[in-house]
Amino acid sequence: MIIKLNTIQDVNDFVSMCNKYKGEYIDVKQGRQVIDGRSILGMYSLNHMKNLEVEVDGDDLNSVFEFYESIKKWQVNANNKMK
């Protein structure tokens, strides 16, 4: 899923959301960088003027689906692809 975090509060909220899902691997990618979505310092190190790619992997498919549903508010629409 491609997302855009526009404010520091968005970054904080995203990291808090990620920390609710302990059993999943949450990778946030930007270019060649891959950051753990639970890492506040890692998330602050990214360029938030650009889109971020989020990938989640876990054994509990319901949790993975629930996570993706919870971050939809930051999803970049197909018509709004700013890179």
N, C-alpha and C. Protein backbone atom coordinates (compact mmCIF):
# COMPACT_ATOMS: atom_id res chain seq x y z
N MET A 1 0.85 -1.17 0.00
CA MET A 1 0.00 0.00 0.00
C MET A 1 0.90 1.23 0.00
N ILE A 2 0.56 2.20 -0.80
CA ILE A 2 1.30 3.46 -0.85
C ILE A 2 0.58 4.47 0.04
N ILE A 3 1.35 5.09 0.95
CA ILE A 3 0.77 6.07 1.86
C ILE A 3 1.56 7.37 1.82
N LYS A 4 0.98 8.41 2.38
CA LYS A 4 1.63 9.71 2.53
C LYS A 4 1.34 10.21 3.92
N LEU A 5 2.40 10.47 4.68
CA LEU A 5 2.26 11.03 6.02
C LEU A 5 2.65 12.50 5.93
N ASN A 6 1.67 13.38 6.05
CA ASN A 6 1.89 14.80 5.77
C ASN A 6 2.40 15.61 6.95
N THR A 7 2.16 15.14 8.16
CA THR A 7 2.54 15.92 9.34
C THR A 7 3.28 15.04 10.34
N ILE A 8 3.94 15.68 11.29
CA ILE A 8 4.60 14.96 12.37
C ILE A 8 3.57 14.14 13.15
N GLN A 9 2.39 14.69 13.33
CA GLN A 9 1.33 13.96 14.03
C GLN A 9 0.94 12.70 13.27
N ASP A 10 0.89 12.79 11.93
CA ASP A 10 0.62 11.60 11.12
C ASP A 10 1.68 10.52 11.36
N VAL A 11 2.95 10.93 11.41
CA VAL A 11 4.04 9.98 11.66
C VAL A 11 3.86 9.34 13.03
N ASN A 12 3.60 10.16 14.04
CA ASN A 12 3.40 9.65 15.40
C ASN A 12 2.22 8.68 15.46
N ASP A 13 1.12 9.05 14.82
CA ASP A 13 -0.07 8.18 14.82
C ASP A 13 0.20 6.87 14.08
N PHE A 14 0.93 6.95 12.97
CA PHE A 14 1.26 5.75 12.21
C PHE A 14 2.11 4.80 13.05
N VAL A 15 3.14 5.32 13.70
CA VAL A 15 4.01 4.48 14.54
C VAL A 15 3.21 3.87 15.69
N SER A 16 2.34 4.65 16.30
CA SER A 16 1.48 4.12 17.38
C SER A 16 0.61 2.99 16.86
N MET A 17 0.06 3.16 15.66
CA MET A 17 -0.77 2.12 15.05
C MET A 17 0.07 0.86 14.81
N CYS A 18 1.27 1.03 14.30
CA CYS A 18 2.14 -0.12 14.03
C CYS A 18 2.46 -0.88 15.31
N ASN A 19 2.64 -0.17 16.40
CA ASN A 19 3.01 -0.81 17.66
C ASN A 19 1.87 -1.62 18.27
N LYS A 20 0.67 -1.49 17.74
CA LYS A 20 -0.46 -2.31 18.20
C LYS A 20 -0.42 -3.70 17.59
N TYR A 21 0.39 -3.89 16.56
CA TYR A 21 0.46 -5.16 15.83
C TYR A 21 1.83 -5.79 16.05
N LYS A 22 1.97 -6.46 17.18
CA LYS A 22 3.27 -7.01 17.59
C LYS A 22 3.67 -8.26 16.80
N GLY A 23 2.72 -9.00 16.28
CA GLY A 23 3.03 -10.26 15.61
C GLY A 23 3.37 -10.12 14.14
N GLU A 24 3.30 -8.93 13.61
CA GLU A 24 3.52 -8.72 12.19
C GLU A 24 4.82 -7.96 11.94
N TYR A 25 5.41 -8.20 10.77
CA TYR A 25 6.54 -7.40 10.31
C TYR A 25 5.96 -6.28 9.47
N ILE A 26 6.28 -5.05 9.82
CA ILE A 26 5.76 -3.89 9.10
C ILE A 26 6.95 -3.13 8.53
N ASP A 27 7.13 -3.26 7.22
CA ASP A 27 8.23 -2.59 6.54
C ASP A 27 7.71 -1.35 5.82
N VAL A 28 8.41 -0.25 6.02
CA VAL A 28 8.10 0.99 5.32
C VAL A 28 9.28 1.25 4.39
N LYS A 29 8.99 1.37 3.10
CA LYS A 29 10.05 1.50 2.10
C LYS A 29 9.97 2.85 1.41
N GLN A 30 11.16 3.40 1.17
CA GLN A 30 11.27 4.62 0.37
C GLN A 30 12.60 4.52 -0.36
N GLY A 31 12.51 4.35 -1.66
CA GLY A 31 13.73 4.12 -2.43
C GLY A 31 14.38 2.83 -1.98
N ARG A 32 15.66 2.91 -1.60
CA ARG A 32 16.37 1.71 -1.13
C ARG A 32 16.30 1.54 0.37
N GLN A 33 15.72 2.51 1.07
CA GLN A 33 15.61 2.42 2.52
C GLN A 33 14.42 1.55 2.91
N VAL A 34 14.64 0.70 3.91
CA VAL A 34 13.55 -0.10 4.50
C VAL A 34 13.61 0.13 6.00
N ILE A 35 12.51 0.61 6.56
CA ILE A 35 12.42 0.98 7.97
C ILE A 35 11.35 0.14 8.64
N ASP A 36 11.59 -0.24 9.88
CA ASP A 36 10.57 -0.89 10.70
C ASP A 36 9.53 0.17 11.05
N GLY A 37 8.28 -0.09 10.72
CA GLY A 37 7.21 0.87 10.98
C GLY A 37 7.02 1.21 12.45
N ARG A 38 7.57 0.41 13.35
CA ARG A 38 7.45 0.67 14.78
C ARG A 38 8.53 1.63 15.29
N SER A 39 9.50 1.95 14.45
CA SER A 39 10.64 2.78 14.87
C SER A 39 10.35 4.25 14.62
N ILE A 40 10.16 4.99 15.69
CA ILE A 40 9.86 6.42 15.54
C ILE A 40 11.04 7.16 14.92
N LEU A 41 12.26 6.83 15.35
CA LEU A 41 13.44 7.50 14.78
C LEU A 41 13.62 7.13 13.32
N GLY A 42 13.40 5.87 12.99
CA GLY A 42 13.49 5.45 11.60
C GLY A 42 12.47 6.17 10.73
N MET A 43 11.26 6.30 11.23
CA MET A 43 10.21 6.98 10.46
C MET A 43 10.51 8.46 10.30
N TYR A 44 11.10 9.08 11.33
CA TYR A 44 11.47 10.49 11.22
C TYR A 44 12.59 10.70 10.20
N SER A 45 13.38 9.66 9.93
CA SER A 45 14.51 9.80 9.02
C SER A 45 14.10 9.81 7.55
N LEU A 46 12.86 9.45 7.26
CA LEU A 46 12.40 9.40 5.88
C LEU A 46 11.98 10.78 5.38
N ASN A 47 11.99 10.95 4.07
CA ASN A 47 11.55 12.19 3.44
C ASN A 47 10.03 12.14 3.29
N HIS A 48 9.34 12.90 4.10
CA HIS A 48 7.87 12.84 4.09
C HIS A 48 7.24 13.72 3.02
N MET A 49 8.07 14.29 2.16
CA MET A 49 7.55 14.96 0.98
C MET A 49 7.24 13.93 -0.11
N LYS A 50 7.73 12.71 0.09
CA LYS A 50 7.52 11.63 -0.88
C LYS A 50 6.63 10.55 -0.29
N ASN A 51 6.07 9.75 -1.19
CA ASN A 51 5.22 8.63 -0.76
C ASN A 51 6.05 7.53 -0.11
N LEU A 52 5.38 6.73 0.70
CA LEU A 52 6.00 5.59 1.38
C LEU A 52 5.25 4.33 0.99
N GLU A 53 5.98 3.25 0.82
CA GLU A 53 5.36 1.95 0.54
C GLU A 53 5.36 1.13 1.81
N VAL A 54 4.21 0.60 2.18
CA VAL A 54 4.08 -0.19 3.40
C VAL A 54 3.77 -1.64 3.01
N GLU A 55 4.56 -2.55 3.57
CA GLU A 55 4.32 -3.98 3.38
C GLU A 55 4.23 -4.64 4.75
N VAL A 56 3.24 -5.49 4.91
CA VAL A 56 3.02 -6.18 6.19
C VAL A 56 3.07 -7.68 5.93
N ASP A 57 3.76 -8.38 6.82
CA ASP A 57 3.83 -9.83 6.72
C ASP A 57 3.57 -10.41 8.10
N GLY A 58 2.70 -11.39 8.15
CA GLY A 58 2.40 -12.04 9.42
C GLY A 58 1.58 -13.29 9.20
N ASP A 59 1.54 -14.13 10.21
CA ASP A 59 0.81 -15.39 10.11
C ASP A 59 -0.70 -15.21 10.26
N ASP A 60 -1.11 -14.18 10.97
CA ASP A 60 -2.53 -13.94 11.23
C ASP A 60 -3.09 -13.01 10.15
N LEU A 61 -3.72 -13.59 9.14
CA LEU A 61 -4.23 -12.79 8.02
C LEU A 61 -5.27 -11.78 8.45
N ASN A 62 -6.04 -12.09 9.48
CA ASN A 62 -7.02 -11.12 9.98
C ASN A 62 -6.33 -9.88 10.52
N SER A 63 -5.22 -10.06 11.24
CA SER A 63 -4.47 -8.92 11.76
C SER A 63 -3.86 -8.10 10.63
N VAL A 64 -3.35 -8.78 9.62
CA VAL A 64 -2.77 -8.07 8.48
C VAL A 64 -3.85 -7.24 7.79
N PHE A 65 -5.01 -7.84 7.54
CA PHE A 65 -6.12 -7.12 6.92
C PHE A 65 -6.55 -5.95 7.79
N GLU A 66 -6.67 -6.17 9.09
CA GLU A 66 -7.07 -5.12 10.03
C GLU A 66 -6.06 -3.96 10.02
N PHE A 67 -4.78 -4.30 9.95
CA PHE A 67 -3.76 -3.25 9.90
C PHE A 67 -3.93 -2.40 8.64
N TYR A 68 -4.05 -3.05 7.49
CA TYR A 68 -4.23 -2.29 6.24
C TYR A 68 -5.48 -1.42 6.30
N GLU A 69 -6.54 -1.92 6.90
CA GLU A 69 -7.76 -1.11 7.05
C GLU A 69 -7.49 0.11 7.94
N SER A 70 -6.67 -0.07 8.97
CA SER A 70 -6.43 1.02 9.92
C SER A 70 -5.54 2.12 9.35
N ILE A 71 -4.79 1.84 8.29
CA ILE A 71 -3.92 2.88 7.71
C ILE A 71 -4.47 3.45 6.40
N LYS A 72 -5.68 3.06 6.04
CA LYS A 72 -6.27 3.55 4.78
C LYS A 72 -6.41 5.06 4.72
N LYS A 73 -6.51 5.70 5.88
CA LYS A 73 -6.68 7.16 5.88
C LYS A 73 -5.46 7.88 5.29
N TRP A 74 -4.32 7.20 5.24
CA TRP A 74 -3.10 7.78 4.67
C TRP A 74 -2.82 7.27 3.27
N GLN A 75 -3.68 6.39 2.75
CA GLN A 75 -3.44 5.79 1.44
C GLN A 75 -3.48 6.83 0.34
N VAL A 76 -2.54 6.70 -0.59
CA VAL A 76 -2.51 7.57 -1.76
C VAL A 76 -3.38 6.94 -2.83
N ASN A 77 -4.33 7.71 -3.33
CA ASN A 77 -5.23 7.23 -4.38
C ASN A 77 -4.48 7.10 -5.69
N ALA A 78 -4.97 6.26 -6.57
CA ALA A 78 -4.34 6.06 -7.88
C ALA A 78 -4.27 7.37 -8.66
N ASN A 79 -5.22 8.26 -8.43
CA ASN A 79 -5.25 9.55 -9.13
C ASN A 79 -4.32 10.57 -8.52
N ASN A 80 -3.78 10.27 -7.33
CA ASN A 80 -2.98 11.24 -6.59
C ASN A 80 -1.59 10.67 -6.30
N LYS A 81 -0.87 10.24 -7.33
CA LYS A 81 0.43 9.60 -7.16
C LYS A 81 1.55 10.64 -7.18
N MET A 82 1.80 11.24 -6.06
CA MET A 82 2.91 12.18 -5.93
C MET A 82 4.13 11.40 -5.48
N LYS A 83 5.23 11.49 -6.19
CA LYS A 83 6.47 10.84 -5.79
C LYS A 83 7.49 11.88 -5.67
